[in-house]
Structure formats: structure tokens, C-alpha cells
Amino acid sequence: MKPRVTPQLPLVLVAFLALLTLWLQYAVLEGSGGDAKPAGHDPDSMVENFTVQRLDASGKLRYTFSAPKMMHFADDGSGEALYPRFVQIAADGGNFIATANRGTINRQGEEAYLYGNVLFLREATPERPEFRARTEFLHVLAEQGIARTDHTVTISEGRSILTGVGMVVNKNNQQFMLHSQVKGILDVPSRK
């Protein structure tokens, strides 16, 4: 009598393929560290106590960016810094300085977003008193010389104090503009 293997062959083949599929899935998960996660926004490196300097074409210092700690993210090339300090050098000595609790910078380092307890100031010059602005968010465009926020801001310059919502500071033409809900005391010095 002949054994009948033919009807059982497809069933054995399907069972073998199912086991092979489970084994391959297990092998792939083990090879990737246990979790099959897509690449995310995870830091790939960390730097402590650093300073980055940007020079112009003649080698003159334009601005510096420093922080006690920064994490770099490979997926978009950005960085997140704790307690960043941005200093834009001015020819007249009235450097622009921005500090915050944390900040993010783009891949090229020309654009920064500062968050939490943001202080933005222009140092005093012989002609002008110190300009100081406090807010919770500031977007700095270093190459254009522009800083802006859509949050509440308090500005002091000399004895003048202004508050408002939304601000744009243009370093190139030495102007600032408050967008709405402006209140304050403006002390205009007498002309001699």
C-alpha cells in the first residue's frame, strides 16, 4: 500500500512558511535593538561649554553663540541649547545680546528660537542708553539683524518703559516696533 503524502504537502508547506515568517520577524527585531521604531528626533551628540563664532568675509567677528550644554539632532541638523547666549557685534560698541532658558538653532546657525525668560538688550553707547526687552519667546534672524516676538514684551530704554504684545527689532536701522496693546511711559530727552 502506498502512503498518500500529496494531500498533506500543502498543509506542511503553509505551516513551514508561517514558522519561517515568525522567525524572520523575531530576528529583525532583535537585530534592531528590540524595538522596530522609525528614526525620530533623537539627539546624536551633546556638547558642553561651547562657543561658536561667525566671521565676515574679512575675518571680523560678526556674532557668537554659546551655551553650557547643547544637543545636536541628526534628522534635521538642528540643535537645542540650555541657557543660550547670542551676541551680535556692533561697530559702534552697542552689541546686541540675547539670553534665555533654552533655545533651538537651525542647521546653518543663522536662525535661533529662544524660549523662557528671554532677555534681549543693546548695550549702551555714548549716544544712546541701554535698550532692554523681556519676553518669553524671541525669534532671532542673525544675518538680517532682526529679532521678533508675538508674545508680551516689556521694554526699557533709559527712563522709558513700554509694554505691548508683539515686537520687531531691526538692528540695521536701530528701530523697534510694538504691534498691539502698547502702554507705558516714554521719556523723550530734551534737545540741546
N, C-alpha and C. Protein backbone atom coordinates (compact mmCIF):
# COMPACT_ATOMS: atom_id res chain seq x y z
N MET A 1 0.83 -1.16 0.00
CA MET A 1 0.00 0.00 0.00
C MET A 1 0.89 1.25 0.00
N LYS A 2 0.53 2.24 -0.77
CA LYS A 2 1.31 3.47 -0.91
C LYS A 2 0.80 4.53 0.06
N PRO A 3 1.74 5.21 0.76
CA PRO A 3 1.30 6.31 1.62
C PRO A 3 0.86 7.51 0.77
N ARG A 4 -0.17 8.22 1.24
CA ARG A 4 -0.72 9.37 0.49
C ARG A 4 -0.15 10.66 1.10
N VAL A 5 0.91 11.15 0.54
CA VAL A 5 1.60 12.36 1.00
C VAL A 5 1.03 13.59 0.32
N THR A 6 0.51 13.47 -0.83
CA THR A 6 0.08 14.60 -1.65
C THR A 6 -0.94 15.49 -0.95
N PRO A 7 -2.01 15.02 -0.29
CA PRO A 7 -2.94 15.94 0.36
C PRO A 7 -2.34 16.66 1.56
N GLN A 8 -1.34 16.13 2.23
CA GLN A 8 -0.76 16.75 3.41
C GLN A 8 0.38 17.73 3.06
N LEU A 9 0.91 17.67 1.88
CA LEU A 9 2.03 18.51 1.47
C LEU A 9 1.70 20.02 1.54
N PRO A 10 0.56 20.50 1.01
CA PRO A 10 0.28 21.94 1.13
C PRO A 10 0.15 22.40 2.57
N LEU A 11 -0.44 21.59 3.44
CA LEU A 11 -0.61 21.95 4.84
C LEU A 11 0.76 22.06 5.53
N VAL A 12 1.66 21.14 5.28
CA VAL A 12 3.01 21.19 5.85
C VAL A 12 3.77 22.40 5.31
N LEU A 13 3.62 22.70 4.03
CA LEU A 13 4.31 23.84 3.42
C LEU A 13 3.83 25.17 4.03
N VAL A 14 2.53 25.35 4.24
CA VAL A 14 1.97 26.57 4.85
C VAL A 14 2.47 26.72 6.28
N ALA A 15 2.49 25.63 7.04
CA ALA A 15 2.98 25.67 8.41
C ALA A 15 4.46 26.06 8.44
N PHE A 16 5.25 25.52 7.52
CA PHE A 16 6.67 25.86 7.44
C PHE A 16 6.87 27.35 7.12
N LEU A 17 6.09 27.90 6.19
CA LEU A 17 6.19 29.33 5.83
C LEU A 17 5.77 30.22 7.00
N ALA A 18 4.76 29.81 7.76
CA ALA A 18 4.33 30.58 8.92
C ALA A 18 5.44 30.62 9.98
N LEU A 19 6.06 29.51 10.25
CA LEU A 19 7.16 29.47 11.21
C LEU A 19 8.36 30.28 10.72
N LEU A 20 8.65 30.20 9.43
CA LEU A 20 9.75 30.98 8.85
C LEU A 20 9.48 32.48 8.98
N THR A 21 8.24 32.89 8.76
CA THR A 21 7.86 34.30 8.89
C THR A 21 8.03 34.78 10.33
N LEU A 22 7.59 34.01 11.30
CA LEU A 22 7.76 34.38 12.71
C LEU A 22 9.23 34.47 13.09
N TRP A 23 10.02 33.52 12.61
CA TRP A 23 11.44 33.53 12.91
C TRP A 23 12.12 34.78 12.32
N LEU A 24 11.77 35.14 11.08
CA LEU A 24 12.36 36.32 10.44
C LEU A 24 11.97 37.60 11.19
N GLN A 25 10.73 37.71 11.60
CA GLN A 25 10.29 38.89 12.34
C GLN A 25 11.06 39.00 13.65
N TYR A 26 11.22 37.90 14.36
CA TYR A 26 11.96 37.90 15.61
C TYR A 26 13.43 38.28 15.38
N ALA A 27 14.03 37.74 14.32
CA ALA A 27 15.43 38.03 14.02
C ALA A 27 15.63 39.50 13.68
N VAL A 28 14.71 40.09 12.93
CA VAL A 28 14.82 41.50 12.56
C VAL A 28 14.67 42.40 13.78
N LEU A 29 13.71 42.11 14.65
CA LEU A 29 13.52 42.91 15.86
C LEU A 29 14.72 42.81 16.79
N GLU A 30 15.30 41.66 16.96
CA GLU A 30 16.48 41.50 17.79
C GLU A 30 17.66 42.27 17.21
N GLY A 31 17.80 42.29 15.90
CA GLY A 31 18.91 42.96 15.25
C GLY A 31 18.84 44.47 15.36
N SER A 32 17.63 45.04 15.57
CA SER A 32 17.50 46.49 15.64
C SER A 32 17.42 47.00 17.07
N GLY A 33 17.78 46.16 18.04
CA GLY A 33 17.78 46.61 19.42
C GLY A 33 16.49 46.29 20.13
N GLY A 34 15.60 45.55 19.56
CA GLY A 34 14.40 45.12 20.25
C GLY A 34 13.15 45.86 19.86
N ASP A 35 13.23 47.10 19.44
CA ASP A 35 12.04 47.86 19.08
C ASP A 35 12.16 48.29 17.62
N ALA A 36 11.13 48.02 16.86
CA ALA A 36 11.12 48.47 15.47
C ALA A 36 10.48 49.84 15.41
N LYS A 37 11.30 50.90 15.69
CA LYS A 37 10.82 52.28 15.69
C LYS A 37 11.40 53.02 14.50
N PRO A 38 10.62 53.90 13.90
CA PRO A 38 11.19 54.72 12.84
C PRO A 38 12.18 55.72 13.44
N ALA A 39 13.09 56.22 12.62
CA ALA A 39 14.05 57.22 13.08
C ALA A 39 13.30 58.45 13.54
N GLY A 40 13.64 58.97 14.73
CA GLY A 40 12.92 60.11 15.28
C GLY A 40 13.85 61.29 15.50
N HIS A 41 13.34 62.24 16.25
CA HIS A 41 14.09 63.46 16.57
C HIS A 41 14.85 63.20 17.87
N ASP A 42 15.85 62.34 17.79
CA ASP A 42 16.66 61.99 18.95
C ASP A 42 18.05 62.60 18.80
N PRO A 43 18.64 63.06 19.92
CA PRO A 43 19.98 63.66 19.81
C PRO A 43 21.02 62.62 19.43
N ASP A 44 21.96 63.03 18.56
CA ASP A 44 23.06 62.14 18.18
C ASP A 44 24.37 62.55 18.83
N SER A 45 24.43 63.78 19.37
CA SER A 45 25.63 64.21 20.07
C SER A 45 25.29 65.33 21.04
N MET A 46 26.17 65.53 22.02
CA MET A 46 25.97 66.56 23.02
C MET A 46 27.29 67.29 23.23
N VAL A 47 27.23 68.62 23.35
CA VAL A 47 28.40 69.45 23.55
C VAL A 47 28.18 70.26 24.81
N GLU A 48 29.23 70.42 25.61
CA GLU A 48 29.13 71.22 26.83
C GLU A 48 30.12 72.38 26.77
N ASN A 49 29.69 73.50 27.31
CA ASN A 49 30.52 74.71 27.42
C ASN A 49 31.19 75.06 26.08
N PHE A 50 30.38 75.42 25.12
CA PHE A 50 30.90 75.71 23.78
C PHE A 50 30.60 77.14 23.38
N THR A 51 31.36 77.63 22.40
CA THR A 51 31.12 78.93 21.77
C THR A 51 31.36 78.78 20.28
N VAL A 52 30.41 79.27 19.48
CA VAL A 52 30.54 79.28 18.03
C VAL A 52 30.66 80.74 17.61
N GLN A 53 31.63 81.03 16.76
CA GLN A 53 31.83 82.40 16.28
C GLN A 53 31.61 82.44 14.78
N ARG A 54 30.94 83.49 14.32
CA ARG A 54 30.70 83.69 12.89
C ARG A 54 31.48 84.92 12.47
N LEU A 55 32.29 84.77 11.43
CA LEU A 55 33.12 85.87 10.92
C LEU A 55 32.59 86.35 9.59
N ASP A 56 32.88 87.62 9.26
CA ASP A 56 32.52 88.11 7.93
C ASP A 56 33.63 87.75 6.94
N ALA A 57 33.51 88.19 5.70
CA ALA A 57 34.47 87.84 4.65
C ALA A 57 35.88 88.33 4.96
N SER A 58 36.00 89.43 5.72
CA SER A 58 37.33 89.96 6.05
C SER A 58 37.91 89.34 7.31
N GLY A 59 37.18 88.44 7.96
CA GLY A 59 37.66 87.79 9.17
C GLY A 59 37.27 88.49 10.45
N LYS A 60 36.44 89.50 10.35
CA LYS A 60 36.00 90.25 11.52
C LYS A 60 34.82 89.53 12.18
N LEU A 61 34.82 89.47 13.51
CA LEU A 61 33.78 88.78 14.27
C LEU A 61 32.42 89.46 14.07
N ARG A 62 31.40 88.67 13.67
CA ARG A 62 30.04 89.21 13.48
C ARG A 62 29.15 88.87 14.65
N TYR A 63 29.13 87.60 15.07
CA TYR A 63 28.36 87.21 16.24
C TYR A 63 28.88 85.92 16.84
N THR A 64 28.51 85.70 18.11
CA THR A 64 28.86 84.47 18.81
C THR A 64 27.59 83.84 19.36
N PHE A 65 27.63 82.53 19.48
CA PHE A 65 26.54 81.77 20.09
C PHE A 65 27.19 80.80 21.07
N SER A 66 26.80 80.86 22.34
CA SER A 66 27.41 80.00 23.34
C SER A 66 26.34 79.45 24.28
N ALA A 67 26.67 78.34 24.94
CA ALA A 67 25.75 77.73 25.90
C ALA A 67 26.52 76.73 26.75
N PRO A 68 26.06 76.46 27.97
CA PRO A 68 26.71 75.44 28.78
C PRO A 68 26.44 74.02 28.29
N LYS A 69 25.34 73.83 27.53
CA LYS A 69 25.02 72.49 27.03
C LYS A 69 24.15 72.60 25.79
N MET A 70 24.49 71.79 24.76
CA MET A 70 23.69 71.76 23.54
C MET A 70 23.63 70.33 23.01
N MET A 71 22.45 69.94 22.52
CA MET A 71 22.27 68.64 21.89
C MET A 71 22.04 68.86 20.40
N HIS A 72 22.66 68.03 19.57
CA HIS A 72 22.52 68.10 18.12
C HIS A 72 21.61 66.98 17.66
N PHE A 73 20.73 67.27 16.68
CA PHE A 73 19.79 66.28 16.15
C PHE A 73 20.13 66.04 14.68
N ALA A 74 20.42 64.78 14.36
CA ALA A 74 20.87 64.43 13.00
C ALA A 74 19.75 64.49 11.98
N ASP A 75 18.49 64.27 12.39
CA ASP A 75 17.41 64.20 11.40
C ASP A 75 17.21 65.51 10.66
N ASP A 76 17.39 66.65 11.33
CA ASP A 76 17.23 67.94 10.64
C ASP A 76 18.43 68.87 10.81
N GLY A 77 19.47 68.42 11.51
CA GLY A 77 20.67 69.22 11.67
C GLY A 77 20.54 70.34 12.68
N SER A 78 19.44 70.39 13.41
CA SER A 78 19.22 71.47 14.38
C SER A 78 19.92 71.16 15.70
N GLY A 79 19.92 72.14 16.57
CA GLY A 79 20.49 71.98 17.89
C GLY A 79 19.58 72.60 18.93
N GLU A 80 19.58 72.04 20.13
CA GLU A 80 18.82 72.60 21.24
C GLU A 80 19.78 72.89 22.37
N ALA A 81 19.80 74.15 22.82
CA ALA A 81 20.76 74.59 23.82
C ALA A 81 20.06 74.99 25.11
N LEU A 82 20.71 74.71 26.23
CA LEU A 82 20.25 75.17 27.53
C LEU A 82 20.99 76.46 27.87
N TYR A 83 20.27 77.48 28.30
CA TYR A 83 20.80 78.79 28.67
C TYR A 83 21.70 79.37 27.58
N PRO A 84 21.16 79.51 26.35
CA PRO A 84 21.98 80.05 25.26
C PRO A 84 22.24 81.55 25.44
N ARG A 85 23.33 81.99 24.84
CA ARG A 85 23.70 83.42 24.83
C ARG A 85 24.15 83.75 23.41
N PHE A 86 23.46 84.70 22.82
CA PHE A 86 23.74 85.14 21.45
C PHE A 86 24.21 86.58 21.53
N VAL A 87 25.39 86.88 20.95
CA VAL A 87 25.94 88.24 20.95
C VAL A 87 26.24 88.63 19.52
N GLN A 88 25.57 89.70 19.05
CA GLN A 88 25.83 90.22 17.71
C GLN A 88 26.67 91.49 17.88
N ILE A 89 27.84 91.48 17.27
CA ILE A 89 28.82 92.56 17.45
C ILE A 89 28.41 93.76 16.60
N ALA A 90 28.42 94.95 17.22
CA ALA A 90 28.09 96.19 16.51
C ALA A 90 29.34 97.04 16.38
N ALA A 91 29.44 97.74 15.28
CA ALA A 91 30.61 98.59 15.02
C ALA A 91 30.72 99.74 16.02
N ASP A 92 29.56 100.25 16.49
CA ASP A 92 29.56 101.39 17.42
C ASP A 92 29.71 100.98 18.88
N GLY A 93 29.87 99.68 19.14
CA GLY A 93 30.04 99.22 20.51
C GLY A 93 28.74 98.84 21.18
N GLY A 94 27.61 99.13 20.59
CA GLY A 94 26.31 98.77 21.17
C GLY A 94 25.91 97.36 20.76
N ASN A 95 26.63 96.37 21.24
CA ASN A 95 26.35 94.98 20.86
C ASN A 95 24.94 94.57 21.27
N PHE A 96 24.34 93.68 20.48
CA PHE A 96 23.04 93.11 20.80
C PHE A 96 23.28 91.76 21.47
N ILE A 97 22.65 91.55 22.62
CA ILE A 97 22.82 90.32 23.39
C ILE A 97 21.44 89.74 23.68
N ALA A 98 21.29 88.44 23.45
CA ALA A 98 20.03 87.75 23.76
C ALA A 98 20.36 86.51 24.58
N THR A 99 19.63 86.32 25.70
CA THR A 99 19.79 85.14 26.54
C THR A 99 18.41 84.56 26.84
N ALA A 100 18.38 83.28 27.20
CA ALA A 100 17.11 82.61 27.50
C ALA A 100 17.39 81.34 28.30
N ASN A 101 16.30 80.69 28.76
CA ASN A 101 16.44 79.42 29.46
C ASN A 101 16.81 78.29 28.51
N ARG A 102 16.25 78.33 27.29
CA ARG A 102 16.59 77.32 26.29
C ARG A 102 16.39 77.93 24.91
N GLY A 103 17.00 77.30 23.92
CA GLY A 103 16.88 77.79 22.56
C GLY A 103 17.15 76.70 21.56
N THR A 104 16.66 76.90 20.35
CA THR A 104 16.94 76.00 19.24
C THR A 104 17.55 76.81 18.11
N ILE A 105 18.47 76.18 17.39
CA ILE A 105 19.10 76.84 16.24
C ILE A 105 18.98 75.92 15.04
N ASN A 106 18.90 76.53 13.85
CA ASN A 106 18.76 75.73 12.63
C ASN A 106 20.12 75.20 12.18
N ARG A 107 20.09 74.42 11.12
CA ARG A 107 21.30 73.76 10.61
C ARG A 107 22.42 74.75 10.32
N GLN A 108 22.11 75.89 9.72
CA GLN A 108 23.14 76.86 9.35
C GLN A 108 23.55 77.77 10.51
N GLY A 109 22.78 77.77 11.60
CA GLY A 109 23.09 78.60 12.74
C GLY A 109 22.74 80.06 12.55
N GLU A 110 21.97 80.38 11.53
CA GLU A 110 21.61 81.76 11.25
C GLU A 110 20.26 82.14 11.83
N GLU A 111 19.52 81.16 12.34
CA GLU A 111 18.19 81.41 12.87
C GLU A 111 18.07 80.71 14.21
N ALA A 112 17.65 81.44 15.23
CA ALA A 112 17.52 80.88 16.57
C ALA A 112 16.15 81.22 17.15
N TYR A 113 15.62 80.29 17.92
CA TYR A 113 14.37 80.48 18.65
C TYR A 113 14.70 80.36 20.13
N LEU A 114 14.42 81.42 20.89
CA LEU A 114 14.73 81.45 22.32
C LEU A 114 13.44 81.38 23.12
N TYR A 115 13.46 80.55 24.19
CA TYR A 115 12.26 80.30 24.99
C TYR A 115 12.55 80.48 26.47
N GLY A 116 11.61 81.08 27.18
CA GLY A 116 11.66 81.16 28.63
C GLY A 116 12.62 82.21 29.16
N ASN A 117 12.07 83.21 29.84
CA ASN A 117 12.87 84.25 30.49
C ASN A 117 13.88 84.87 29.52
N VAL A 118 13.39 85.29 28.36
CA VAL A 118 14.26 85.84 27.32
C VAL A 118 14.59 87.30 27.66
N LEU A 119 15.88 87.60 27.60
CA LEU A 119 16.35 88.97 27.76
C LEU A 119 17.07 89.34 26.47
N PHE A 120 16.63 90.45 25.87
CA PHE A 120 17.24 90.95 24.64
C PHE A 120 17.67 92.37 24.93
N LEU A 121 18.96 92.67 24.77
CA LEU A 121 19.40 94.03 25.05
C LEU A 121 20.42 94.52 24.05
N ARG A 122 20.45 95.83 23.92
CA ARG A 122 21.50 96.51 23.16
C ARG A 122 22.30 97.28 24.20
N GLU A 123 23.59 97.04 24.22
CA GLU A 123 24.43 97.73 25.19
C GLU A 123 24.39 99.23 24.97
N ALA A 124 24.61 99.98 26.03
CA ALA A 124 24.62 101.44 25.94
C ALA A 124 25.80 101.91 25.10
N THR A 125 25.58 103.01 24.41
CA THR A 125 26.64 103.66 23.64
C THR A 125 26.74 105.10 24.17
N PRO A 126 27.74 105.86 23.77
CA PRO A 126 27.81 107.25 24.23
C PRO A 126 26.59 108.07 23.82
N GLU A 127 25.94 107.69 22.70
CA GLU A 127 24.78 108.44 22.21
C GLU A 127 23.44 107.93 22.73
N ARG A 128 23.37 106.65 23.11
CA ARG A 128 22.07 106.05 23.47
C ARG A 128 22.19 105.22 24.73
N PRO A 129 21.14 105.24 25.56
CA PRO A 129 21.15 104.39 26.75
C PRO A 129 20.89 102.92 26.38
N GLU A 130 21.08 102.06 27.34
CA GLU A 130 20.84 100.64 27.11
C GLU A 130 19.38 100.38 26.76
N PHE A 131 19.16 99.51 25.78
CA PHE A 131 17.82 99.06 25.38
C PHE A 131 17.67 97.64 25.93
N ARG A 132 16.59 97.38 26.67
CA ARG A 132 16.39 96.08 27.30
C ARG A 132 14.95 95.64 27.06
N ALA A 133 14.78 94.41 26.55
CA ALA A 133 13.44 93.85 26.32
C ALA A 133 13.35 92.48 26.98
N ARG A 134 12.24 92.24 27.68
CA ARG A 134 11.99 90.94 28.33
C ARG A 134 10.72 90.35 27.76
N THR A 135 10.80 89.04 27.43
CA THR A 135 9.65 88.32 26.89
C THR A 135 9.83 86.83 27.17
N GLU A 136 8.91 86.01 26.71
CA GLU A 136 9.02 84.56 26.90
C GLU A 136 9.44 83.84 25.62
N PHE A 137 9.46 84.53 24.49
CA PHE A 137 9.85 83.93 23.22
C PHE A 137 10.49 84.98 22.33
N LEU A 138 11.55 84.60 21.61
CA LEU A 138 12.19 85.52 20.68
C LEU A 138 12.74 84.73 19.50
N HIS A 139 12.45 85.20 18.30
CA HIS A 139 12.94 84.60 17.06
C HIS A 139 14.04 85.53 16.54
N VAL A 140 15.28 85.03 16.47
CA VAL A 140 16.42 85.83 16.06
C VAL A 140 16.86 85.42 14.66
N LEU A 141 16.89 86.37 13.75
CA LEU A 141 17.41 86.17 12.38
C LEU A 141 18.73 86.93 12.30
N ALA A 142 19.80 86.24 12.60
CA ALA A 142 21.11 86.89 12.77
C ALA A 142 21.59 87.58 11.50
N GLU A 143 21.48 86.93 10.37
CA GLU A 143 22.01 87.50 9.14
C GLU A 143 21.27 88.78 8.73
N GLN A 144 19.96 88.85 9.02
CA GLN A 144 19.18 90.04 8.67
C GLN A 144 19.22 91.11 9.76
N GLY A 145 19.73 90.78 10.95
CA GLY A 145 19.76 91.74 12.05
C GLY A 145 18.39 92.00 12.63
N ILE A 146 17.52 90.99 12.62
CA ILE A 146 16.13 91.15 13.08
C ILE A 146 15.86 90.19 14.23
N ALA A 147 15.15 90.67 15.22
CA ALA A 147 14.63 89.85 16.31
C ALA A 147 13.15 90.18 16.47
N ARG A 148 12.32 89.15 16.68
CA ARG A 148 10.88 89.41 16.77
C ARG A 148 10.21 88.42 17.71
N THR A 149 9.07 88.85 18.23
CA THR A 149 8.26 88.01 19.09
C THR A 149 6.79 88.35 18.87
N ASP A 150 5.92 87.39 19.16
CA ASP A 150 4.48 87.65 19.15
C ASP A 150 3.91 87.56 20.55
N HIS A 151 4.78 87.49 21.56
CA HIS A 151 4.38 87.40 22.96
C HIS A 151 4.41 88.79 23.62
N THR A 152 3.94 88.85 24.84
CA THR A 152 4.01 90.08 25.63
C THR A 152 5.47 90.43 25.88
N VAL A 153 5.77 91.70 25.76
CA VAL A 153 7.15 92.16 25.92
C VAL A 153 7.16 93.44 26.76
N THR A 154 8.19 93.58 27.60
CA THR A 154 8.41 94.80 28.38
C THR A 154 9.76 95.37 27.94
N ILE A 155 9.74 96.64 27.54
CA ILE A 155 10.93 97.29 27.01
C ILE A 155 11.30 98.47 27.91
N SER A 156 12.59 98.59 28.19
CA SER A 156 13.07 99.78 28.89
C SER A 156 14.27 100.33 28.14
N GLU A 157 14.30 101.64 28.01
CA GLU A 157 15.43 102.34 27.40
C GLU A 157 15.56 103.65 28.14
N GLY A 158 16.65 103.79 28.87
CA GLY A 158 16.79 104.96 29.72
C GLY A 158 15.70 104.92 30.78
N ARG A 159 14.92 106.02 30.88
CA ARG A 159 13.83 106.06 31.85
C ARG A 159 12.48 105.69 31.22
N SER A 160 12.46 105.35 29.96
CA SER A 160 11.23 104.95 29.27
C SER A 160 10.95 103.47 29.53
N ILE A 161 9.67 103.16 29.77
CA ILE A 161 9.24 101.77 29.95
C ILE A 161 7.97 101.57 29.14
N LEU A 162 7.99 100.59 28.25
CA LEU A 162 6.84 100.27 27.41
C LEU A 162 6.51 98.79 27.52
N THR A 163 5.22 98.46 27.45
CA THR A 163 4.79 97.07 27.36
C THR A 163 3.86 96.94 26.17
N GLY A 164 3.82 95.77 25.60
CA GLY A 164 2.95 95.53 24.46
C GLY A 164 2.99 94.06 24.08
N VAL A 165 2.22 93.74 23.06
CA VAL A 165 2.19 92.37 22.56
C VAL A 165 2.75 92.39 21.14
N GLY A 166 3.80 91.61 20.91
CA GLY A 166 4.44 91.55 19.60
C GLY A 166 5.46 92.66 19.43
N MET A 167 6.64 92.29 18.93
CA MET A 167 7.70 93.27 18.76
C MET A 167 8.60 92.82 17.61
N VAL A 168 9.12 93.80 16.88
CA VAL A 168 10.16 93.56 15.88
C VAL A 168 11.27 94.57 16.15
N VAL A 169 12.49 94.07 16.27
CA VAL A 169 13.66 94.93 16.44
C VAL A 169 14.52 94.76 15.20
N ASN A 170 14.84 95.88 14.56
CA ASN A 170 15.70 95.88 13.37
C ASN A 170 17.01 96.56 13.75
N LYS A 171 18.06 95.76 13.91
CA LYS A 171 19.36 96.28 14.32
C LYS A 171 19.94 97.21 13.26
N ASN A 172 19.70 96.91 12.00
CA ASN A 172 20.32 97.67 10.91
C ASN A 172 19.88 99.13 10.90
N ASN A 173 18.60 99.40 11.18
CA ASN A 173 18.16 100.79 11.19
C ASN A 173 17.86 101.30 12.60
N GLN A 174 18.28 100.55 13.64
CA GLN A 174 18.15 100.96 15.03
C GLN A 174 16.71 101.31 15.41
N GLN A 175 15.74 100.48 14.98
CA GLN A 175 14.34 100.72 15.29
C GLN A 175 13.71 99.50 15.93
N PHE A 176 12.70 99.75 16.77
CA PHE A 176 11.87 98.67 17.27
C PHE A 176 10.42 99.08 17.12
N MET A 177 9.55 98.09 16.98
CA MET A 177 8.13 98.35 16.79
C MET A 177 7.34 97.39 17.66
N LEU A 178 6.40 97.93 18.44
CA LEU A 178 5.47 97.11 19.20
C LEU A 178 4.18 97.01 18.40
N HIS A 179 3.57 95.82 18.36
CA HIS A 179 2.42 95.59 17.48
C HIS A 179 1.08 95.99 18.08
N SER A 180 0.81 95.65 19.34
CA SER A 180 -0.53 95.94 19.89
C SER A 180 -0.47 96.07 21.40
N GLN A 181 -1.57 96.58 21.96
CA GLN A 181 -1.76 96.75 23.40
C GLN A 181 -0.58 97.47 24.06
N VAL A 182 -0.13 98.53 23.42
CA VAL A 182 1.04 99.26 23.89
C VAL A 182 0.65 100.21 25.01
N LYS A 183 1.39 100.13 26.13
CA LYS A 183 1.21 101.02 27.27
C LYS A 183 2.58 101.38 27.80
N GLY A 184 2.68 102.53 28.46
CA GLY A 184 3.95 102.83 29.09
C GLY A 184 4.22 104.30 29.26
N ILE A 185 5.44 104.57 29.65
CA ILE A 185 5.92 105.93 29.88
C ILE A 185 7.10 106.14 28.93
N LEU A 186 6.98 107.15 28.09
CA LEU A 186 8.05 107.46 27.14
C LEU A 186 8.72 108.75 27.59
N ASP A 187 9.99 108.65 27.94
CA ASP A 187 10.77 109.80 28.38
C ASP A 187 11.60 110.28 27.21
N VAL A 188 11.21 111.39 26.63
CA VAL A 188 11.93 111.95 25.49
C VAL A 188 12.93 112.96 26.00
N PRO A 189 14.22 112.72 25.75
CA PRO A 189 15.23 113.67 26.22
C PRO A 189 15.09 115.01 25.52
N SER A 190 15.40 116.09 26.25
CA SER A 190 15.29 117.42 25.65
C SER A 190 16.43 117.62 24.65
N ARG A 191 16.12 118.37 23.62
CA ARG A 191 17.12 118.67 22.58
C ARG A 191 17.90 119.90 23.00
N LYS A 192 19.18 119.85 22.77
CA LYS A 192 20.02 120.98 23.16
C LYS A 192 20.37 121.83 21.98
